[in-house]
All heavy atoms as atom14 arrays in JSON, in Angstrom:
{
  "sequence": "VLGRDDALTVLDREMGVWEANRAALQEGLDKAEGTMPPDDPYVL",
  "atom14_mask": [
    [1, 1, 1, 1, 1, 1, 1, 0, 0, 0, 0, 0, 0, 0],
    [1, 1, 1, 1, 1, 1, 1, 1, 0, 0, 0, 0, 0, 0],
    [1, 1, 1, 1, 0, 0, 0, 0, 0, 0, 0, 0, 0, 0],
    [1, 1, 1, 1, 1, 1, 1, 1, 1, 1, 1, 0, 0, 0],
    [1, 1, 1, 1, 1, 1, 1, 1, 0, 0, 0, 0, 0, 0],
    [1, 1, 1, 1, 1, 1, 1, 1, 0, 0, 0, 0, 0, 0],
    [1, 1, 1, 1, 1, 0, 0, 0, 0, 0, 0, 0, 0, 0],
    [1, 1, 1, 1, 1, 1, 1, 1, 0, 0, 0, 0, 0, 0],
    [1, 1, 1, 1, 1, 1, 1, 0, 0, 0, 0, 0, 0, 0],
    [1, 1, 1, 1, 1, 1, 1, 0, 0, 0, 0, 0, 0, 0],
    [1, 1, 1, 1, 1, 1, 1, 1, 0, 0, 0, 0, 0, 0],
    [1, 1, 1, 1, 1, 1, 1, 1, 0, 0, 0, 0, 0, 0],
    [1, 1, 1, 1, 1, 1, 1, 1, 1, 1, 1, 0, 0, 0],
    [1, 1, 1, 1, 1, 1, 1, 1, 1, 0, 0, 0, 0, 0],
    [1, 1, 1, 1, 1, 1, 1, 1, 0, 0, 0, 0, 0, 0],
    [1, 1, 1, 1, 0, 0, 0, 0, 0, 0, 0, 0, 0, 0],
    [1, 1, 1, 1, 1, 1, 1, 0, 0, 0, 0, 0, 0, 0],
    [1, 1, 1, 1, 1, 1, 1, 1, 1, 1, 1, 1, 1, 1],
    [1, 1, 1, 1, 1, 1, 1, 1, 1, 0, 0, 0, 0, 0],
    [1, 1, 1, 1, 1, 0, 0, 0, 0, 0, 0, 0, 0, 0],
    [1, 1, 1, 1, 1, 1, 1, 1, 0, 0, 0, 0, 0, 0],
    [1, 1, 1, 1, 1, 1, 1, 1, 1, 1, 1, 0, 0, 0],
    [1, 1, 1, 1, 1, 0, 0, 0, 0, 0, 0, 0, 0, 0],
    [1, 1, 1, 1, 1, 0, 0, 0, 0, 0, 0, 0, 0, 0],
    [1, 1, 1, 1, 1, 1, 1, 1, 0, 0, 0, 0, 0, 0],
    [1, 1, 1, 1, 1, 1, 1, 1, 1, 0, 0, 0, 0, 0],
    [1, 1, 1, 1, 1, 1, 1, 1, 1, 0, 0, 0, 0, 0],
    [1, 1, 1, 1, 0, 0, 0, 0, 0, 0, 0, 0, 0, 0],
    [1, 1, 1, 1, 1, 1, 1, 1, 0, 0, 0, 0, 0, 0],
    [1, 1, 1, 1, 1, 1, 1, 1, 0, 0, 0, 0, 0, 0],
    [1, 1, 1, 1, 1, 1, 1, 1, 1, 0, 0, 0, 0, 0],
    [1, 1, 1, 1, 1, 0, 0, 0, 0, 0, 0, 0, 0, 0],
    [1, 1, 1, 1, 1, 1, 1, 1, 1, 0, 0, 0, 0, 0],
    [1, 1, 1, 1, 0, 0, 0, 0, 0, 0, 0, 0, 0, 0],
    [1, 1, 1, 1, 1, 1, 1, 0, 0, 0, 0, 0, 0, 0],
    [1, 1, 1, 1, 1, 1, 1, 1, 0, 0, 0, 0, 0, 0],
    [1, 1, 1, 1, 1, 1, 1, 0, 0, 0, 0, 0, 0, 0],
    [1, 1, 1, 1, 1, 1, 1, 0, 0, 0, 0, 0, 0, 0],
    [1, 1, 1, 1, 1, 1, 1, 1, 0, 0, 0, 0, 0, 0],
    [1, 1, 1, 1, 1, 1, 1, 1, 0, 0, 0, 0, 0, 0],
    [1, 1, 1, 1, 1, 1, 1, 0, 0, 0, 0, 0, 0, 0],
    [1, 1, 1, 1, 1, 1, 1, 1, 1, 1, 1, 1, 0, 0],
    [1, 1, 1, 1, 1, 1, 1, 0, 0, 0, 0, 0, 0, 0],
    [1, 1, 1, 1, 1, 1, 1, 1, 0, 0, 0, 0, 0, 0]
  ],
  "atom14_positions": [
    [[1.9, 20.42, -16.1], [2.16, 21.57, -15.23], [3.59, 21.59, -14.69], [4.2, 22.64, -14.58], [1.15, 21.59, -14.06], [1.46, 22.71, -13.09], [-0.28, 21.71, -14.58], [0.0, 0.0, 0.0], [0.0, 0.0, 0.0], [0.0, 0.0, 0.0], [0.0, 0.0, 0.0], [0.0, 0.0, 0.0], [0.0, 0.0, 0.0], [0.0, 0.0, 0.0]],
    [[4.12, 20.43, -14.38], [5.41, 20.37, -13.71], [6.55, 20.06, -14.67], [6.39, 19.33, -15.64], [5.39, 19.27, -12.63], [4.39, 19.46, -11.49], [4.47, 18.28, -10.53], [4.6, 20.77, -10.76], [0.0, 0.0, 0.0], [0.0, 0.0, 0.0], [0.0, 0.0, 0.0], [0.0, 0.0, 0.0], [0.0, 0.0, 0.0], [0.0, 0.0, 0.0]],
    [[7.69, 20.59, -14.33], [8.9, 20.23, -15.05], [9.33, 18.83, -14.66], [8.79, 18.22, -13.73], [0.0, 0.0, 0.0], [0.0, 0.0, 0.0], [0.0, 0.0, 0.0], [0.0, 0.0, 0.0], [0.0, 0.0, 0.0], [0.0, 0.0, 0.0], [0.0, 0.0, 0.0], [0.0, 0.0, 0.0], [0.0, 0.0, 0.0], [0.0, 0.0, 0.0]],
    [[10.33, 18.34, -15.34], [10.81, 16.97, -15.16], [11.16, 16.66, -13.71], [10.69, 15.67, -13.14], [12.02, 16.74, -16.06], [12.65, 15.37, -15.93], [13.92, 15.29, -16.81], [14.48, 13.97, -16.82], [15.38, 13.53, -15.95], [15.83, 14.33, -15.0], [15.84, 12.3, -16.04], [0.0, 0.0, 0.0], [0.0, 0.0, 0.0], [0.0, 0.0, 0.0]],
    [[12.01, 17.47, -13.11], [12.49, 17.19, -11.75], [11.36, 17.25, -10.72], [11.28, 16.42, -9.82], [13.62, 18.14, -11.36], [14.9, 17.86, -12.15], [14.98, 16.77, -12.78], [15.79, 18.72, -12.15], [0.0, 0.0, 0.0], [0.0, 0.0, 0.0], [0.0, 0.0, 0.0], [0.0, 0.0, 0.0], [0.0, 0.0, 0.0], [0.0, 0.0, 0.0]],
    [[10.47, 18.24, -10.86], [9.33, 18.33, -9.94], [8.4, 17.12, -10.1], [7.91, 16.57, -9.12], [8.53, 19.62, -10.15], [9.21, 20.84, -9.55], [10.1, 20.67, -8.7], [8.82, 21.96, -9.94], [0.0, 0.0, 0.0], [0.0, 0.0, 0.0], [0.0, 0.0, 0.0], [0.0, 0.0, 0.0], [0.0, 0.0, 0.0], [0.0, 0.0, 0.0]],
    [[8.16, 16.73, -11.34], [7.3, 15.57, -11.59], [7.9, 14.31, -10.96], [7.2, 13.52, -10.33], [7.1, 15.37, -13.09], [0.0, 0.0, 0.0], [0.0, 0.0, 0.0], [0.0, 0.0, 0.0], [0.0, 0.0, 0.0], [0.0, 0.0, 0.0], [0.0, 0.0, 0.0], [0.0, 0.0, 0.0], [0.0, 0.0, 0.0], [0.0, 0.0, 0.0]],
    [[9.22, 14.14, -11.1], [9.88, 12.98, -10.52], [9.83, 13.02, -8.99], [9.65, 11.99, -8.34], [11.32, 12.88, -11.01], [11.48, 12.55, -12.5], [12.95, 12.66, -12.92], [10.91, 11.18, -12.83], [0.0, 0.0, 0.0], [0.0, 0.0, 0.0], [0.0, 0.0, 0.0], [0.0, 0.0, 0.0], [0.0, 0.0, 0.0], [0.0, 0.0, 0.0]],
    [[9.95, 14.21, -8.42], [9.86, 14.36, -6.97], [8.48, 13.95, -6.48], [8.34, 13.23, -5.49], [10.18, 15.82, -6.55], [11.52, 16.11, -6.93], [9.99, 16.03, -5.06], [0.0, 0.0, 0.0], [0.0, 0.0, 0.0], [0.0, 0.0, 0.0], [0.0, 0.0, 0.0], [0.0, 0.0, 0.0], [0.0, 0.0, 0.0], [0.0, 0.0, 0.0]],
    [[7.45, 14.42, -7.17], [6.08, 14.07, -6.79], [5.86, 12.56, -6.91], [5.29, 11.93, -6.01], [5.05, 14.84, -7.66], [3.65, 14.28, -7.48], [5.09, 16.33, -7.33], [0.0, 0.0, 0.0], [0.0, 0.0, 0.0], [0.0, 0.0, 0.0], [0.0, 0.0, 0.0], [0.0, 0.0, 0.0], [0.0, 0.0, 0.0], [0.0, 0.0, 0.0]],
    [[6.32, 11.98, -7.99], [6.15, 10.54, -8.18], [6.9, 9.73, -7.12], [6.38, 8.73, -6.61], [6.59, 10.13, -9.58], [5.63, 10.56, -10.69], [6.29, 10.42, -12.05], [4.34, 9.77, -10.63], [0.0, 0.0, 0.0], [0.0, 0.0, 0.0], [0.0, 0.0, 0.0], [0.0, 0.0, 0.0], [0.0, 0.0, 0.0], [0.0, 0.0, 0.0]],
    [[8.1, 10.17, -6.77], [8.85, 9.49, -5.7], [8.08, 9.55, -4.38], [8.0, 8.57, -3.64], [10.23, 10.12, -5.51], [11.24, 9.68, -6.56], [11.03, 8.63, -7.21], [12.25, 10.39, -6.74], [0.0, 0.0, 0.0], [0.0, 0.0, 0.0], [0.0, 0.0, 0.0], [0.0, 0.0, 0.0], [0.0, 0.0, 0.0], [0.0, 0.0, 0.0]],
    [[7.52, 10.72, -4.09], [6.73, 10.87, -2.86], [5.52, 9.94, -2.88], [5.24, 9.23, -1.9], [6.27, 12.32, -2.71], [5.44, 12.56, -1.44], [4.82, 13.93, -1.41], [3.82, 14.03, -2.46], [3.55, 15.15, -3.13], [4.2, 16.27, -2.88], [2.62, 15.16, -4.06], [0.0, 0.0, 0.0], [0.0, 0.0, 0.0], [0.0, 0.0, 0.0]],
    [[4.82, 9.9, -4.0], [3.64, 9.04, -4.11], [4.02, 7.57, -3.98], [3.31, 6.79, -3.34], [2.9, 9.29, -5.42], [2.24, 10.67, -5.48], [1.28, 10.92, -4.34], [0.32, 10.14, -4.17], [1.5, 11.88, -3.58], [0.0, 0.0, 0.0], [0.0, 0.0, 0.0], [0.0, 0.0, 0.0], [0.0, 0.0, 0.0], [0.0, 0.0, 0.0]],
    [[5.14, 7.19, -4.59], [5.59, 5.79, -4.46], [5.84, 5.44, -2.99], [5.5, 4.34, -2.56], [6.83, 5.54, -5.31], [6.51, 5.43, -6.79], [7.92, 4.95, -7.8], [8.14, 3.25, -7.32], [0.0, 0.0, 0.0], [0.0, 0.0, 0.0], [0.0, 0.0, 0.0], [0.0, 0.0, 0.0], [0.0, 0.0, 0.0], [0.0, 0.0, 0.0]],
    [[6.42, 6.36, -2.25], [6.65, 6.11, -0.83], [5.34, 5.88, -0.08], [5.25, 4.98, 0.77], [0.0, 0.0, 0.0], [0.0, 0.0, 0.0], [0.0, 0.0, 0.0], [0.0, 0.0, 0.0], [0.0, 0.0, 0.0], [0.0, 0.0, 0.0], [0.0, 0.0, 0.0], [0.0, 0.0, 0.0], [0.0, 0.0, 0.0], [0.0, 0.0, 0.0]],
    [[4.34, 6.67, -0.4], [3.03, 6.51, 0.24], [2.42, 5.16, -0.12], [1.94, 4.42, 0.75], [2.07, 7.66, -0.16], [0.64, 7.39, 0.28], [2.57, 8.98, 0.41], [0.0, 0.0, 0.0], [0.0, 0.0, 0.0], [0.0, 0.0, 0.0], [0.0, 0.0, 0.0], [0.0, 0.0, 0.0], [0.0, 0.0, 0.0], [0.0, 0.0, 0.0]],
    [[2.44, 4.83, -1.41], [1.83, 3.56, -1.84], [2.6, 2.35, -1.3], [1.99, 1.33, -0.98], [1.71, 3.51, -3.36], [0.73, 4.52, -3.88], [-0.46, 4.9, -3.31], [0.85, 5.29, -5.06], [-1.07, 5.85, -4.07], [-0.29, 6.12, -5.16], [1.81, 5.37, -6.07], [-0.5, 7.0, -6.21], [1.59, 6.25, -7.12], [0.45, 7.06, -7.18]],
    [[3.91, 2.46, -1.22], [4.69, 1.36, -0.64], [4.35, 1.18, 0.84], [4.2, 0.05, 1.31], [6.19, 1.61, -0.81], [6.66, 1.4, -2.23], [8.08, 1.88, -2.5], [8.66, 2.57, -1.63], [8.6, 1.57, -3.58], [0.0, 0.0, 0.0], [0.0, 0.0, 0.0], [0.0, 0.0, 0.0], [0.0, 0.0, 0.0], [0.0, 0.0, 0.0]],
    [[4.23, 2.28, 1.57], [3.88, 2.2, 2.99], [2.46, 1.64, 3.16], [2.23, 0.79, 4.04], [4.0, 3.57, 3.64], [0.0, 0.0, 0.0], [0.0, 0.0, 0.0], [0.0, 0.0, 0.0], [0.0, 0.0, 0.0], [0.0, 0.0, 0.0], [0.0, 0.0, 0.0], [0.0, 0.0, 0.0], [0.0, 0.0, 0.0], [0.0, 0.0, 0.0]],
    [[1.54, 2.11, 2.34], [0.16, 1.6, 2.41], [0.13, 0.1, 2.13], [-0.52, -0.67, 2.83], [-0.75, 2.31, 1.41], [-1.1, 3.71, 1.81], [-0.91, 4.11, 2.96], [-1.6, 4.47, 0.88], [0.0, 0.0, 0.0], [0.0, 0.0, 0.0], [0.0, 0.0, 0.0], [0.0, 0.0, 0.0], [0.0, 0.0, 0.0], [0.0, 0.0, 0.0]],
    [[0.83, -0.31, 1.07], [0.84, -1.73, 0.7], [1.44, -2.55, 1.84], [0.91, -3.6, 2.19], [1.64, -1.94, -0.58], [1.67, -3.42, -1.0], [2.55, -3.67, -2.16], [3.92, -3.26, -1.86], [4.91, -3.27, -2.71], [4.72, -3.66, -3.95], [6.12, -2.89, -2.37], [0.0, 0.0, 0.0], [0.0, 0.0, 0.0], [0.0, 0.0, 0.0]],
    [[2.53, -2.08, 2.42], [3.17, -2.82, 3.52], [2.23, -2.94, 4.72], [2.14, -4.02, 5.33], [4.47, -2.13, 3.92], [0.0, 0.0, 0.0], [0.0, 0.0, 0.0], [0.0, 0.0, 0.0], [0.0, 0.0, 0.0], [0.0, 0.0, 0.0], [0.0, 0.0, 0.0], [0.0, 0.0, 0.0], [0.0, 0.0, 0.0], [0.0, 0.0, 0.0]],
    [[1.55, -1.87, 5.07], [0.63, -1.91, 6.21], [-0.53, -2.86, 5.93], [-0.93, -3.64, 6.8], [0.11, -0.51, 6.52], [0.0, 0.0, 0.0], [0.0, 0.0, 0.0], [0.0, 0.0, 0.0], [0.0, 0.0, 0.0], [0.0, 0.0, 0.0], [0.0, 0.0, 0.0], [0.0, 0.0, 0.0], [0.0, 0.0, 0.0], [0.0, 0.0, 0.0]],
    [[-1.07, -2.8, 4.72], [-2.16, -3.7, 4.37], [-1.7, -5.15, 4.36], [-2.4, -6.04, 4.86], [-2.75, -3.31, 3.01], [-3.51, -1.99, 2.96], [-3.74, -1.56, 1.52], [-4.83, -2.11, 3.71], [0.0, 0.0, 0.0], [0.0, 0.0, 0.0], [0.0, 0.0, 0.0], [0.0, 0.0, 0.0], [0.0, 0.0, 0.0], [0.0, 0.0, 0.0]],
    [[-0.52, -5.39, 3.82], [0.01, -6.75, 3.77], [0.25, -7.28, 5.18], [0.0, -8.45, 5.46], [1.29, -6.81, 2.94], [1.78, -8.2, 2.68], [0.79, -9.06, 1.91], [0.36, -8.68, 0.83], [0.41, -10.19, 2.47], [0.0, 0.0, 0.0], [0.0, 0.0, 0.0], [0.0, 0.0, 0.0], [0.0, 0.0, 0.0], [0.0, 0.0, 0.0]],
    [[0.72, -6.42, 6.06], [0.93, -6.82, 7.45], [-0.39, -7.25, 8.07], [-0.47, -8.26, 8.78], [1.54, -5.67, 8.25], [1.82, -6.01, 9.7], [2.41, -4.83, 10.46], [3.02, -3.95, 9.85], [2.26, -4.83, 11.7], [0.0, 0.0, 0.0], [0.0, 0.0, 0.0], [0.0, 0.0, 0.0], [0.0, 0.0, 0.0], [0.0, 0.0, 0.0]],
    [[-1.46, -6.5, 7.79], [-2.79, -6.88, 8.29], [-3.24, -8.21, 7.73], [-3.8, -9.04, 8.46], [0.0, 0.0, 0.0], [0.0, 0.0, 0.0], [0.0, 0.0, 0.0], [0.0, 0.0, 0.0], [0.0, 0.0, 0.0], [0.0, 0.0, 0.0], [0.0, 0.0, 0.0], [0.0, 0.0, 0.0], [0.0, 0.0, 0.0], [0.0, 0.0, 0.0]],
    [[-2.97, -8.43, 6.44], [-3.33, -9.72, 5.84], [-2.54, -10.86, 6.46], [-3.08, -11.95, 6.72], [-3.06, -9.69, 4.33], [-4.13, -9.11, 3.45], [-3.68, -9.14, 1.99], [-5.45, -9.82, 3.62], [0.0, 0.0, 0.0], [0.0, 0.0, 0.0], [0.0, 0.0, 0.0], [0.0, 0.0, 0.0], [0.0, 0.0, 0.0], [0.0, 0.0, 0.0]],
    [[-1.25, -10.62, 6.69], [-0.41, -11.66, 7.28], [-0.91, -12.04, 8.68], [-0.94, -13.21, 9.04], [1.05, -11.21, 7.35], [1.68, -11.06, 5.96], [1.11, -11.58, 4.98], [2.74, -10.4, 5.87], [0.0, 0.0, 0.0], [0.0, 0.0, 0.0], [0.0, 0.0, 0.0], [0.0, 0.0, 0.0], [0.0, 0.0, 0.0], [0.0, 0.0, 0.0]],
    [[-1.35, -11.03, 9.44], [-1.88, -11.3, 10.79], [-3.2, -12.04, 10.71], [-3.51, -12.87, 11.57], [-2.06, -9.98, 11.55], [-0.78, -9.37, 12.0], [-1.02, -8.06, 12.74], [0.29, -7.41, 13.14], [0.06, -6.1, 13.77], [0.0, 0.0, 0.0], [0.0, 0.0, 0.0], [0.0, 0.0, 0.0], [0.0, 0.0, 0.0], [0.0, 0.0, 0.0]],
    [[-4.0, -11.75, 9.68], [-5.31, -12.38, 9.54], [-5.2, -13.83, 9.06], [-6.1, -14.63, 9.31], [-6.17, -11.58, 8.56], [0.0, 0.0, 0.0], [0.0, 0.0, 0.0], [0.0, 0.0, 0.0], [0.0, 0.0, 0.0], [0.0, 0.0, 0.0], [0.0, 0.0, 0.0], [0.0, 0.0, 0.0], [0.0, 0.0, 0.0], [0.0, 0.0, 0.0]],
    [[-4.09, -14.15, 8.39], [-3.94, -15.49, 7.83], [-4.0, -16.54, 8.94], [-3.31, -16.45, 9.95], [-2.6, -15.61, 7.09], [-2.48, -16.88, 6.29], [-1.21, -16.91, 5.46], [-0.71, -15.84, 5.1], [-0.73, -18.02, 5.2], [0.0, 0.0, 0.0], [0.0, 0.0, 0.0], [0.0, 0.0, 0.0], [0.0, 0.0, 0.0], [0.0, 0.0, 0.0]],
    [[-4.86, -17.49, 8.75], [-5.02, -18.56, 9.72], [-6.02, -18.25, 10.82], [-6.45, -19.14, 11.53], [0.0, 0.0, 0.0], [0.0, 0.0, 0.0], [0.0, 0.0, 0.0], [0.0, 0.0, 0.0], [0.0, 0.0, 0.0], [0.0, 0.0, 0.0], [0.0, 0.0, 0.0], [0.0, 0.0, 0.0], [0.0, 0.0, 0.0], [0.0, 0.0, 0.0]],
    [[-6.36, -16.97, 11.0], [-7.33, -16.62, 12.03], [-8.67, -16.19, 11.44], [-9.67, -16.2, 12.13], [-6.81, -15.48, 12.93], [-6.61, -14.31, 12.15], [-5.51, -15.88, 13.62], [0.0, 0.0, 0.0], [0.0, 0.0, 0.0], [0.0, 0.0, 0.0], [0.0, 0.0, 0.0], [0.0, 0.0, 0.0], [0.0, 0.0, 0.0], [0.0, 0.0, 0.0]],
    [[-8.67, -15.81, 10.17], [-9.9, -15.38, 9.49], [-10.1, -16.22, 8.24], [-9.12, -16.57, 7.57], [-9.82, -13.91, 9.09], [-9.77, -12.94, 10.2], [-9.69, -11.25, 9.53], [-9.94, -10.31, 11.0], [0.0, 0.0, 0.0], [0.0, 0.0, 0.0], [0.0, 0.0, 0.0], [0.0, 0.0, 0.0], [0.0, 0.0, 0.0], [0.0, 0.0, 0.0]],
    [[-11.34, -16.51, 7.91], [-11.57, -17.25, 6.66], [-11.19, -16.39, 5.45], [-11.23, -15.16, 5.51], [-13.07, -17.54, 6.68], [-13.66, -16.61, 7.68], [-12.57, -16.21, 8.62], [0.0, 0.0, 0.0], [0.0, 0.0, 0.0], [0.0, 0.0, 0.0], [0.0, 0.0, 0.0], [0.0, 0.0, 0.0], [0.0, 0.0, 0.0], [0.0, 0.0, 0.0]],
    [[-10.79, -17.02, 4.34], [-10.34, -16.26, 3.18], [-11.42, -15.38, 2.55], [-11.09, -14.47, 1.8], [-9.86, -17.33, 2.2], [-10.38, -18.61, 2.71], [-10.69, -18.44, 4.16], [0.0, 0.0, 0.0], [0.0, 0.0, 0.0], [0.0, 0.0, 0.0], [0.0, 0.0, 0.0], [0.0, 0.0, 0.0], [0.0, 0.0, 0.0], [0.0, 0.0, 0.0]],
    [[-12.68, -15.63, 2.87], [-13.75, -14.79, 2.33], [-14.28, -13.79, 3.36], [-15.31, -13.16, 3.15], [-14.89, -15.64, 1.77], [-15.59, -16.46, 2.85], [-15.03, -16.62, 3.96], [-16.7, -16.94, 2.58], [0.0, 0.0, 0.0], [0.0, 0.0, 0.0], [0.0, 0.0, 0.0], [0.0, 0.0, 0.0], [0.0, 0.0, 0.0], [0.0, 0.0, 0.0]],
    [[-13.54, -13.59, 4.45], [-13.91, -12.57, 5.43], [-13.86, -11.21, 4.77], [-12.96, -10.92, 3.97], [-12.92, -12.61, 6.6], [-13.26, -11.58, 7.66], [-14.06, -11.91, 8.55], [-12.71, -10.46, 7.58], [0.0, 0.0, 0.0], [0.0, 0.0, 0.0], [0.0, 0.0, 0.0], [0.0, 0.0, 0.0], [0.0, 0.0, 0.0], [0.0, 0.0, 0.0]],
    [[-14.82, -10.33, 5.05], [-14.84, -9.0, 4.41], [-13.54, -8.22, 4.59], [-13.08, -7.55, 3.67], [-16.0, -8.27, 5.08], [-16.87, -9.35, 5.63], [-15.97, -10.51, 5.93], [0.0, 0.0, 0.0], [0.0, 0.0, 0.0], [0.0, 0.0, 0.0], [0.0, 0.0, 0.0], [0.0, 0.0, 0.0], [0.0, 0.0, 0.0], [0.0, 0.0, 0.0]],
    [[-12.94, -8.31, 5.76], [-11.68, -7.62, 6.0], [-10.6, -8.16, 5.06], [-9.85, -7.4, 4.46], [-11.24, -7.76, 7.46], [-9.84, -7.24, 7.71], [-9.63, -5.88, 7.88], [-8.75, -8.1, 7.73], [-8.34, -5.38, 8.08], [-7.48, -7.61, 7.93], [-7.27, -6.26, 8.1], [-6.01, -5.78, 8.29], [0.0, 0.0, 0.0], [0.0, 0.0, 0.0]],
    [[-10.53, -9.47, 4.93], [-9.52, -10.1, 4.07], [-9.76, -9.7, 2.62], [-8.81, -9.33, 1.9], [-9.54, -11.64, 4.24], [-8.63, -12.31, 3.22], [-9.12, -12.01, 5.66], [0.0, 0.0, 0.0], [0.0, 0.0, 0.0], [0.0, 0.0, 0.0], [0.0, 0.0, 0.0], [0.0, 0.0, 0.0], [0.0, 0.0, 0.0], [0.0, 0.0, 0.0]],
    [[-11.0, -9.76, 2.17], [-11.3, -9.4, 0.78], [-10.96, -7.94, 0.49], [-10.31, -7.63, -0.52], [-12.77, -9.68, 0.47], [-13.2, -11.14, 0.53], [-14.7, -11.26, 0.3], [-12.43, -11.99, -0.45], [0.0, 0.0, 0.0], [0.0, 0.0, 0.0], [0.0, 0.0, 0.0], [0.0, 0.0, 0.0], [0.0, 0.0, 0.0], [0.0, 0.0, 0.0]]
  ]
}
């Protein structure tokens, strides 16, 4: 559906979302480290 530039714009936007999500999730994991067991449902 999209031309090259529009497709790249959409992909850049999505990468930003996924990078932010990954960073937030990783931050939660880092905070949980040492306070939650590795098989805690939140950690998994």
